[in-house]
Amino acid sequence: MDIVRLTFRDITATCDWTTHDEVECLPVELIGWLVHNDGKTVKVATAYSDNGFSSVHAVPCGCVVSTEILAYDSMPKLAYPSDS
């Protein structure tokens, strides 16, 4: 399972009389496990437990600026302290 840095342009909206030249897409960097990429949507999870992945961010591929593989994680079984 690849751990990636996903850089994307996030959608921005205003609810006031801000002019269009004052509104820009926000650059965002996300680091986590690449759990899905079907060419339409990239999904990166930022939390993992024995129950699986959580905190999944879904980003449209058209918003992605870059994807950098940081590491490969073989997802070892989590170890919990014993109750003594």
PDB file of N, CA and C in Angstrom:
ATOM      1  N   MET A   1       0.858  -1.179   0.000  1.00  0.00           N
ATOM      2  CA  MET A   1       0.000   0.000   0.000  1.00  0.00           C
ATOM      3  C   MET A   1       0.896   1.230   0.000  1.00  0.00           C
ATOM      4  N   ASP A   2       0.761   2.079  -0.996  1.00  0.00           N
ATOM      5  CA  ASP A   2       1.585   3.281  -1.099  1.00  0.00           C
ATOM      6  C   ASP A   2       1.127   4.363  -0.127  1.00  0.00           C
ATOM      7  N   ILE A   3       2.106   5.012   0.494  1.00  0.00           N
ATOM      8  CA  ILE A   3       1.856   6.233   1.259  1.00  0.00           C
ATOM      9  C   ILE A   3       2.258   7.378   0.337  1.00  0.00           C
ATOM     10  N   VAL A   4       1.330   8.308   0.124  1.00  0.00           N
ATOM     11  CA  VAL A   4       1.542   9.341  -0.883  1.00  0.00           C
ATOM     12  C   VAL A   4       1.353  10.748  -0.321  1.00  0.00           C
ATOM     13  N   ARG A   5       1.916  11.704  -1.051  1.00  0.00           N
ATOM     14  CA  ARG A   5       1.602  13.117  -0.847  1.00  0.00           C
ATOM     15  C   ARG A   5       0.795  13.529  -2.066  1.00  0.00           C
ATOM     16  N   LEU A   6      -0.472  13.813  -1.857  1.00  0.00           N
ATOM     17  CA  LEU A   6      -1.367  14.223  -2.931  1.00  0.00           C
ATOM     18  C   LEU A   6      -1.521  15.742  -2.858  1.00  0.00           C
ATOM     19  N   THR A   7      -1.154  16.430  -3.928  1.00  0.00           N
ATOM     20  CA  THR A   7      -1.326  17.873  -3.997  1.00  0.00           C
ATOM     21  C   THR A   7      -2.484  18.143  -4.946  1.00  0.00           C
ATOM     22  N   PHE A   8      -3.462  18.927  -4.474  1.00  0.00           N
ATOM     23  CA  PHE A   8      -4.624  19.206  -5.309  1.00  0.00           C
ATOM     24  C   PHE A   8      -5.123  20.626  -5.071  1.00  0.00           C
ATOM     25  N   ARG A   9      -5.949  21.085  -6.001  1.00  0.00           N
ATOM     26  CA  ARG A   9      -6.593  22.399  -5.888  1.00  0.00           C
ATOM     27  C   ARG A   9      -8.001  22.170  -5.351  1.00  0.00           C
ATOM     28  N   ASP A  10      -8.284  22.760  -4.209  1.00  0.00           N
ATOM     29  CA  ASP A  10      -9.569  22.555  -3.550  1.00  0.00           C
ATOM     30  C   ASP A  10     -10.592  23.585  -4.030  1.00  0.00           C
ATOM     31  N   ILE A  11     -11.823  23.189  -4.019  1.00  0.00           N
ATOM     32  CA  ILE A  11     -12.920  24.068  -4.414  1.00  0.00           C
ATOM     33  C   ILE A  11     -13.134  25.125  -3.338  1.00  0.00           C
ATOM     34  N   THR A  12     -13.390  26.345  -3.750  1.00  0.00           N
ATOM     35  CA  THR A  12     -13.631  27.455  -2.835  1.00  0.00           C
ATOM     36  C   THR A  12     -14.925  28.158  -3.235  1.00  0.00           C
ATOM     37  N   ALA A  13     -15.689  28.584  -2.253  1.00  0.00           N
ATOM     38  CA  ALA A  13     -16.917  29.324  -2.527  1.00  0.00           C
ATOM     39  C   ALA A  13     -17.039  30.470  -1.528  1.00  0.00           C
ATOM     40  N   THR A  14     -17.776  31.491  -1.915  1.00  0.00           N
ATOM     41  CA  THR A  14     -18.044  32.594  -1.000  1.00  0.00           C
ATOM     42  C   THR A  14     -19.551  32.781  -0.893  1.00  0.00           C
ATOM     43  N   CYS A  15     -19.974  33.421   0.180  1.00  0.00           N
ATOM     44  CA  CYS A  15     -21.403  33.669   0.347  1.00  0.00           C
ATOM     45  C   CYS A  15     -21.678  35.156   0.555  1.00  0.00           C
ATOM     46  N   ASP A  16     -20.741  35.958   0.052  1.00  0.00           N
ATOM     47  CA  ASP A  16     -20.923  37.409   0.174  1.00  0.00           C
ATOM     48  C   ASP A  16     -20.698  38.048  -1.196  1.00  0.00           C
ATOM     49  N   TRP A  17     -20.468  39.330  -1.218  1.00  0.00           N
ATOM     50  CA  TRP A  17     -20.314  40.046  -2.483  1.00  0.00           C
ATOM     51  C   TRP A  17     -18.851  40.149  -2.907  1.00  0.00           C
ATOM     52  N   THR A  18     -18.075  39.111  -2.633  1.00  0.00           N
ATOM     53  CA  THR A  18     -16.683  39.065  -3.078  1.00  0.00           C
ATOM     54  C   THR A  18     -16.650  38.983  -4.596  1.00  0.00           C
ATOM     55  N   THR A  19     -15.781  39.749  -5.202  1.00  0.00           N
ATOM     56  CA  THR A  19     -15.679  39.717  -6.664  1.00  0.00           C
ATOM     57  C   THR A  19     -14.917  38.473  -7.113  1.00  0.00           C
ATOM     58  N   HIS A  20     -15.155  38.054  -8.340  1.00  0.00           N
ATOM     59  CA  HIS A  20     -14.560  36.807  -8.831  1.00  0.00           C
ATOM     60  C   HIS A  20     -13.032  36.833  -8.817  1.00  0.00           C
ATOM     61  N   ASP A  21     -12.417  38.012  -8.995  1.00  0.00           N
ATOM     62  CA  ASP A  21     -10.952  38.056  -9.010  1.00  0.00           C
ATOM     63  C   ASP A  21     -10.341  37.922  -7.616  1.00  0.00           C
ATOM     64  N   GLU A  22     -11.160  37.899  -6.575  1.00  0.00           N
ATOM     65  CA  GLU A  22     -10.681  37.699  -5.206  1.00  0.00           C
ATOM     66  C   GLU A  22     -10.825  36.249  -4.740  1.00  0.00           C
ATOM     67  N   VAL A  23     -11.425  35.405  -5.564  1.00  0.00           N
ATOM     68  CA  VAL A  23     -11.681  34.015  -5.169  1.00  0.00           C
ATOM     69  C   VAL A  23     -10.785  33.089  -5.979  1.00  0.00           C
ATOM     70  N   GLU A  24     -10.005  32.277  -5.286  1.00  0.00           N
ATOM     71  CA  GLU A  24      -9.092  31.339  -5.937  1.00  0.00           C
ATOM     72  C   GLU A  24      -9.237  29.959  -5.297  1.00  0.00           C
ATOM     73  N   CYS A  25      -8.931  28.935  -6.065  1.00  0.00           N
ATOM     74  CA  CYS A  25      -8.872  27.582  -5.512  1.00  0.00           C
ATOM     75  C   CYS A  25      -7.690  27.501  -4.554  1.00  0.00           C
ATOM     76  N   LEU A  26      -7.890  26.793  -3.456  1.00  0.00           N
ATOM     77  CA  LEU A  26      -6.839  26.672  -2.448  1.00  0.00           C
ATOM     78  C   LEU A  26      -5.931  25.485  -2.753  1.00  0.00           C
ATOM     79  N   PRO A  27      -4.602  25.664  -2.692  1.00  0.00           N
ATOM     80  CA  PRO A  27      -3.705  24.526  -2.841  1.00  0.00           C
ATOM     81  C   PRO A  27      -3.688  23.729  -1.528  1.00  0.00           C
ATOM     82  N   VAL A  28      -3.808  22.404  -1.643  1.00  0.00           N
ATOM     83  CA  VAL A  28      -3.857  21.536  -0.467  1.00  0.00           C
ATOM     84  C   VAL A  28      -2.897  20.379  -0.672  1.00  0.00           C
ATOM     85  N   GLU A  29      -2.193  19.978   0.392  1.00  0.00           N
ATOM     86  CA  GLU A  29      -1.381  18.768   0.379  1.00  0.00           C
ATOM     87  C   GLU A  29      -1.958  17.805   1.396  1.00  0.00           C
ATOM     88  N   LEU A  30      -2.076  16.562   0.990  1.00  0.00           N
ATOM     89  CA  LEU A  30      -2.658  15.516   1.823  1.00  0.00           C
ATOM     90  C   LEU A  30      -1.690  14.345   1.840  1.00  0.00           C
ATOM     91  N   ILE A  31      -1.373  13.820   3.023  1.00  0.00           N
ATOM     92  CA  ILE A  31      -0.478  12.672   3.137  1.00  0.00           C
ATOM     93  C   ILE A  31      -1.242  11.526   3.771  1.00  0.00           C
ATOM     94  N   GLY A  32      -1.176  10.347   3.127  1.00  0.00           N
ATOM     95  CA  GLY A  32      -1.844   9.169   3.663  1.00  0.00           C
ATOM     96  C   GLY A  32      -1.696   7.984   2.731  1.00  0.00           C
ATOM     97  N   TRP A  33      -2.497   6.947   2.988  1.00  0.00           N
ATOM     98  CA  TRP A  33      -2.470   5.725   2.185  1.00  0.00           C
ATOM     99  C   TRP A  33      -3.340   5.900   0.949  1.00  0.00           C
ATOM    100  N   LEU A  34      -2.786   5.600  -0.210  1.00  0.00           N
ATOM    101  CA  LEU A  34      -3.553   5.634  -1.450  1.00  0.00           C
ATOM    102  C   LEU A  34      -4.414   4.376  -1.495  1.00  0.00           C
ATOM    103  N   VAL A  35      -5.718   4.536  -1.260  1.00  0.00           N
ATOM    104  CA  VAL A  35      -6.608   3.375  -1.170  1.00  0.00           C
ATOM    105  C   VAL A  35      -7.425   3.149  -2.436  1.00  0.00           C
ATOM    106  N   HIS A  36      -7.432   4.148  -3.356  1.00  0.00           N
ATOM    107  CA  HIS A  36      -8.235   3.998  -4.570  1.00  0.00           C
ATOM    108  C   HIS A  36      -7.813   5.034  -5.604  1.00  0.00           C
ATOM    109  N   ASN A  37      -7.756   4.613  -6.863  1.00  0.00           N
ATOM    110  CA  ASN A  37      -7.547   5.539  -7.978  1.00  0.00           C
ATOM    111  C   ASN A  37      -8.096   4.868  -9.225  1.00  0.00           C
ATOM    112  N   ASP A  38      -9.251   5.338  -9.705  1.00  0.00           N
ATOM    113  CA  ASP A  38      -9.872   4.732 -10.884  1.00  0.00           C
ATOM    114  C   ASP A  38      -9.819   5.645 -12.105  1.00  0.00           C
ATOM    115  N   GLY A  39      -8.986   6.696 -12.029  1.00  0.00           N
ATOM    116  CA  GLY A  39      -8.899   7.629 -13.143  1.00  0.00           C
ATOM    117  C   GLY A  39      -9.914   8.754 -13.079  1.00  0.00           C
ATOM    118  N   LYS A  40     -10.932   8.607 -12.225  1.00  0.00           N
ATOM    119  CA  LYS A  40     -11.917   9.663 -12.010  1.00  0.00           C
ATOM    120  C   LYS A  40     -11.775  10.266 -10.623  1.00  0.00           C
ATOM    121  N   THR A  41     -11.471   9.422  -9.644  1.00  0.00           N
ATOM    122  CA  THR A  41     -11.380   9.837  -8.249  1.00  0.00           C
ATOM    123  C   THR A  41     -10.169   9.188  -7.596  1.00  0.00           C
ATOM    124  N   VAL A  42      -9.421   9.983  -6.841  1.00  0.00           N
ATOM    125  CA  VAL A  42      -8.314   9.475  -6.030  1.00  0.00           C
ATOM    126  C   VAL A  42      -8.778   9.519  -4.581  1.00  0.00           C
ATOM    127  N   LYS A  43      -8.554   8.427  -3.837  1.00  0.00           N
ATOM    128  CA  LYS A  43      -8.953   8.387  -2.432  1.00  0.00           C
ATOM    129  C   LYS A  43      -7.734   8.094  -1.571  1.00  0.00           C
ATOM    130  N   VAL A  44      -7.533   8.954  -0.562  1.00  0.00           N
ATOM    131  CA  VAL A  44      -6.413   8.834   0.366  1.00  0.00           C
ATOM    132  C   VAL A  44      -6.972   8.769   1.779  1.00  0.00           C
ATOM    133  N   ALA A  45      -6.564   7.744   2.533  1.00  0.00           N
ATOM    134  CA  ALA A  45      -6.998   7.582   3.914  1.00  0.00           C
ATOM    135  C   ALA A  45      -5.890   8.054   4.846  1.00  0.00           C
ATOM    136  N   THR A  46      -6.274   8.728   5.916  1.00  0.00           N
ATOM    137  CA  THR A  46      -5.282   9.247   6.859  1.00  0.00           C
ATOM    138  C   THR A  46      -5.286   8.531   8.197  1.00  0.00           C
ATOM    139  N   ALA A  47      -6.123   7.500   8.343  1.00  0.00           N
ATOM    140  CA  ALA A  47      -6.146   6.715   9.580  1.00  0.00           C
ATOM    141  C   ALA A  47      -6.354   5.248   9.237  1.00  0.00           C
ATOM    142  N   TYR A  48      -5.789   4.354  10.081  1.00  0.00           N
ATOM    143  CA  TYR A  48      -5.903   2.915   9.870  1.00  0.00           C
ATOM    144  C   TYR A  48      -5.983   2.215  11.222  1.00  0.00           C
ATOM    145  N   SER A  49      -6.835   1.201  11.302  1.00  0.00           N
ATOM    146  CA  SER A  49      -6.913   0.356  12.493  1.00  0.00           C
ATOM    147  C   SER A  49      -7.218  -1.062  12.038  1.00  0.00           C
ATOM    148  N   ASP A  50      -7.396  -1.972  12.991  1.00  0.00           N
ATOM    149  CA  ASP A  50      -7.769  -3.345  12.639  1.00  0.00           C
ATOM    150  C   ASP A  50      -9.112  -3.394  11.911  1.00  0.00           C
ATOM    151  N   ASN A  51      -9.913  -2.351  12.012  1.00  0.00           N
ATOM    152  CA  ASN A  51     -11.198  -2.277  11.315  1.00  0.00           C
ATOM    153  C   ASN A  51     -11.048  -1.786   9.880  1.00  0.00           C
ATOM    154  N   GLY A  52      -9.842  -1.388   9.491  1.00  0.00           N
ATOM    155  CA  GLY A  52      -9.600  -0.907   8.136  1.00  0.00           C
ATOM    156  C   GLY A  52      -9.265   0.573   8.112  1.00  0.00           C
ATOM    157  N   PHE A  53      -9.437   1.172   6.948  1.00  0.00           N
ATOM    158  CA  PHE A  53      -9.084   2.575   6.753  1.00  0.00           C
ATOM    159  C   PHE A  53     -10.232   3.490   7.168  1.00  0.00           C
ATOM    160  N   SER A  54      -9.850   4.710   7.590  1.00  0.00           N
ATOM    161  CA  SER A  54     -10.820   5.717   7.992  1.00  0.00           C
ATOM    162  C   SER A  54     -10.297   7.081   7.558  1.00  0.00           C
ATOM    163  N   SER A  55     -11.109   8.094   7.738  1.00  0.00           N
ATOM    164  CA  SER A  55     -10.739   9.462   7.362  1.00  0.00           C
ATOM    165  C   SER A  55     -10.297   9.509   5.899  1.00  0.00           C
ATOM    166  N   VAL A  56     -11.181   9.027   5.018  1.00  0.00           N
ATOM    167  CA  VAL A  56     -10.872   8.937   3.594  1.00  0.00           C
ATOM    168  C   VAL A  56     -11.263  10.243   2.897  1.00  0.00           C
ATOM    169  N   HIS A  57     -10.319  10.791   2.150  1.00  0.00           N
ATOM    170  CA  HIS A  57     -10.537  12.002   1.357  1.00  0.00           C
ATOM    171  C   HIS A  57     -10.692  11.573  -0.097  1.00  0.00           C
ATOM    172  N   ALA A  58     -11.775  11.961  -0.757  1.00  0.00           N
ATOM    173  CA  ALA A  58     -12.013  11.662  -2.173  1.00  0.00           C
ATOM    174  C   ALA A  58     -11.796  12.944  -2.969  1.00  0.00           C
ATOM    175  N   VAL A  59     -10.872  12.888  -3.932  1.00  0.00           N
ATOM    176  CA  VAL A  59     -10.509  14.067  -4.716  1.00  0.00           C
ATOM    177  C   VAL A  59     -10.730  13.757  -6.196  1.00  0.00           C
ATOM    178  N   PRO A  60     -11.477  14.577  -6.918  1.00  0.00           N
ATOM    179  CA  PRO A  60     -11.615  14.365  -8.363  1.00  0.00           C
ATOM    180  C   PRO A  60     -10.246  14.473  -9.043  1.00  0.00           C
ATOM    181  N   CYS A  61      -9.959  13.574  -9.965  1.00  0.00           N
ATOM    182  CA  CYS A  61      -8.656  13.577 -10.644  1.00  0.00           C
ATOM    183  C   CYS A  61      -8.367  14.903 -11.338  1.00  0.00           C
ATOM    184  N   GLY A  62      -9.394  15.595 -11.804  1.00  0.00           N
ATOM    185  CA  GLY A  62      -9.199  16.876 -12.456  1.00  0.00           C
ATOM    186  C   GLY A  62      -8.659  17.956 -11.533  1.00  0.00           C
ATOM    187  N   CYS A  63      -8.746  17.744 -10.224  1.00  0.00           N
ATOM    188  CA  CYS A  63      -8.224  18.704  -9.249  1.00  0.00           C
ATOM    189  C   CYS A  63      -6.798  18.389  -8.818  1.00  0.00           C
ATOM    190  N   VAL A  64      -6.308  17.179  -9.149  1.00  0.00           N
ATOM    191  CA  VAL A  64      -4.993  16.728  -8.694  1.00  0.00           C
ATOM    192  C   VAL A  64      -3.894  17.444  -9.477  1.00  0.00           C
ATOM    193  N   VAL A  65      -2.957  18.018  -8.740  1.00  0.00           N
ATOM    194  CA  VAL A  65      -1.785  18.668  -9.331  1.00  0.00           C
ATOM    195  C   VAL A  65      -0.641  17.667  -9.438  1.00  0.00           C
ATOM    196  N   SER A  66      -0.415  16.883  -8.361  1.00  0.00           N
ATOM    197  CA  SER A  66       0.652  15.881  -8.378  1.00  0.00           C
ATOM    198  C   SER A  66       0.406  14.824  -7.315  1.00  0.00           C
ATOM    199  N   THR A  67       1.004  13.659  -7.544  1.00  0.00           N
ATOM    200  CA  THR A  67       0.990  12.568  -6.571  1.00  0.00           C
ATOM    201  C   THR A  67       2.421  12.078  -6.429  1.00  0.00           C
ATOM    202  N   GLU A  68       2.932  12.116  -5.207  1.00  0.00           N
ATOM    203  CA  GLU A  68       4.299  11.672  -4.941  1.00  0.00           C
ATOM    204  C   GLU A  68       4.253  10.479  -3.995  1.00  0.00           C
ATOM    205  N   ILE A  69       4.854   9.356  -4.396  1.00  0.00           N
ATOM    206  CA  ILE A  69       4.924   8.193  -3.520  1.00  0.00           C
ATOM    207  C   ILE A  69       6.025   8.442  -2.504  1.00  0.00           C
ATOM    208  N   LEU A  70       5.684   8.406  -1.227  1.00  0.00           N
ATOM    209  CA  LEU A  70       6.641   8.646  -0.154  1.00  0.00           C
ATOM    210  C   LEU A  70       7.214   7.347   0.391  1.00  0.00           C
ATOM    211  N   ALA A  71       6.390   6.295   0.430  1.00  0.00           N
ATOM    212  CA  ALA A  71       6.829   5.015   0.993  1.00  0.00           C
ATOM    213  C   ALA A  71       5.830   3.939   0.610  1.00  0.00           C
ATOM    214  N   TYR A  72       6.232   2.690   0.846  1.00  0.00           N
ATOM    215  CA  TYR A  72       5.325   1.563   0.691  1.00  0.00           C
ATOM    216  C   TYR A  72       5.142   0.957   2.067  1.00  0.00           C
ATOM    217  N   ASP A  73       3.899   0.739   2.466  1.00  0.00           N
ATOM    218  CA  ASP A  73       3.588   0.183   3.782  1.00  0.00           C
ATOM    219  C   ASP A  73       2.894  -1.147   3.586  1.00  0.00           C
ATOM    220  N   SER A  74       3.471  -2.207   4.136  1.00  0.00           N
ATOM    221  CA  SER A  74       2.871  -3.534   3.980  1.00  0.00           C
ATOM    222  C   SER A  74       1.715  -3.765   4.948  1.00  0.00           C
ATOM    223  N   MET A  75       1.343  -2.748   5.700  1.00  0.00           N
ATOM    224  CA  MET A  75       0.209  -2.777   6.623  1.00  0.00           C
ATOM    225  C   MET A  75       0.314  -3.928   7.631  1.00  0.00           C
ATOM    226  N   PRO A  76       1.315  -3.887   8.506  1.00  0.00           N
ATOM    227  CA  PRO A  76       1.429  -4.941   9.519  1.00  0.00           C
ATOM    228  C   PRO A  76       0.245  -4.897  10.476  1.00  0.00           C
ATOM    229  N   LYS A  77      -0.051  -6.040  11.090  1.00  0.00           N
ATOM    230  CA  LYS A  77      -1.139  -6.101  12.068  1.00  0.00           C
ATOM    231  C   LYS A  77      -0.805  -5.207  13.236  1.00  0.00           C
ATOM    232  N   LEU A  78      -1.783  -4.449  13.673  1.00  0.00           N
ATOM    233  CA  LEU A  78      -1.591  -3.548  14.810  1.00  0.00           C
ATOM    234  C   LEU A  78      -1.455  -4.367  16.081  1.00  0.00           C
ATOM    235  N   ALA A  79      -0.583  -3.915  16.946  1.00  0.00           N
ATOM    236  CA  ALA A  79      -0.371  -4.609  18.224  1.00  0.00           C
ATOM    237  C   ALA A  79      -0.900  -3.725  19.342  1.00  0.00           C
ATOM    238  N   TYR A  80      -1.711  -4.314  20.197  1.00  0.00           N
ATOM    239  CA  TYR A  80      -2.250  -3.593  21.340  1.00  0.00           C
ATOM    240  C   TYR A  80      -1.581  -4.103  22.613  1.00  0.00           C
ATOM    241  N   PRO A  81      -1.380  -3.214  23.588  1.00  0.00           N
ATOM    242  CA  PRO A  81      -0.799  -3.671  24.853  1.00  0.00           C
ATOM    243  C   PRO A  81      -1.730  -4.682  25.515  1.00  0.00           C
ATOM    244  N   SER A  82      -1.154  -5.658  26.159  1.00  0.00           N
ATOM    245  CA  SER A  82      -1.987  -6.668  26.827  1.00  0.00           C
ATOM    246  C   SER A  82      -2.577  -6.089  28.099  1.00  0.00           C
ATOM    247  N   ASP A  83      -3.782  -6.556  28.429  1.00  0.00           N
ATOM    248  CA  ASP A  83      -4.427  -6.146  29.672  1.00  0.00           C
ATOM    249  C   ASP A  83      -3.954  -7.080  30.764  1.00  0.00           C
ATOM    250  N   SER A  84      -3.105  -6.603  31.646  1.00  0.00           N
ATOM    251  CA  SER A  84      -2.554  -7.457  32.704  1.00  0.00           C
ATOM    252  C   SER A  84      -3.196  -7.155  34.024  1.00  0.00           C
TER     253      SER A  84
END
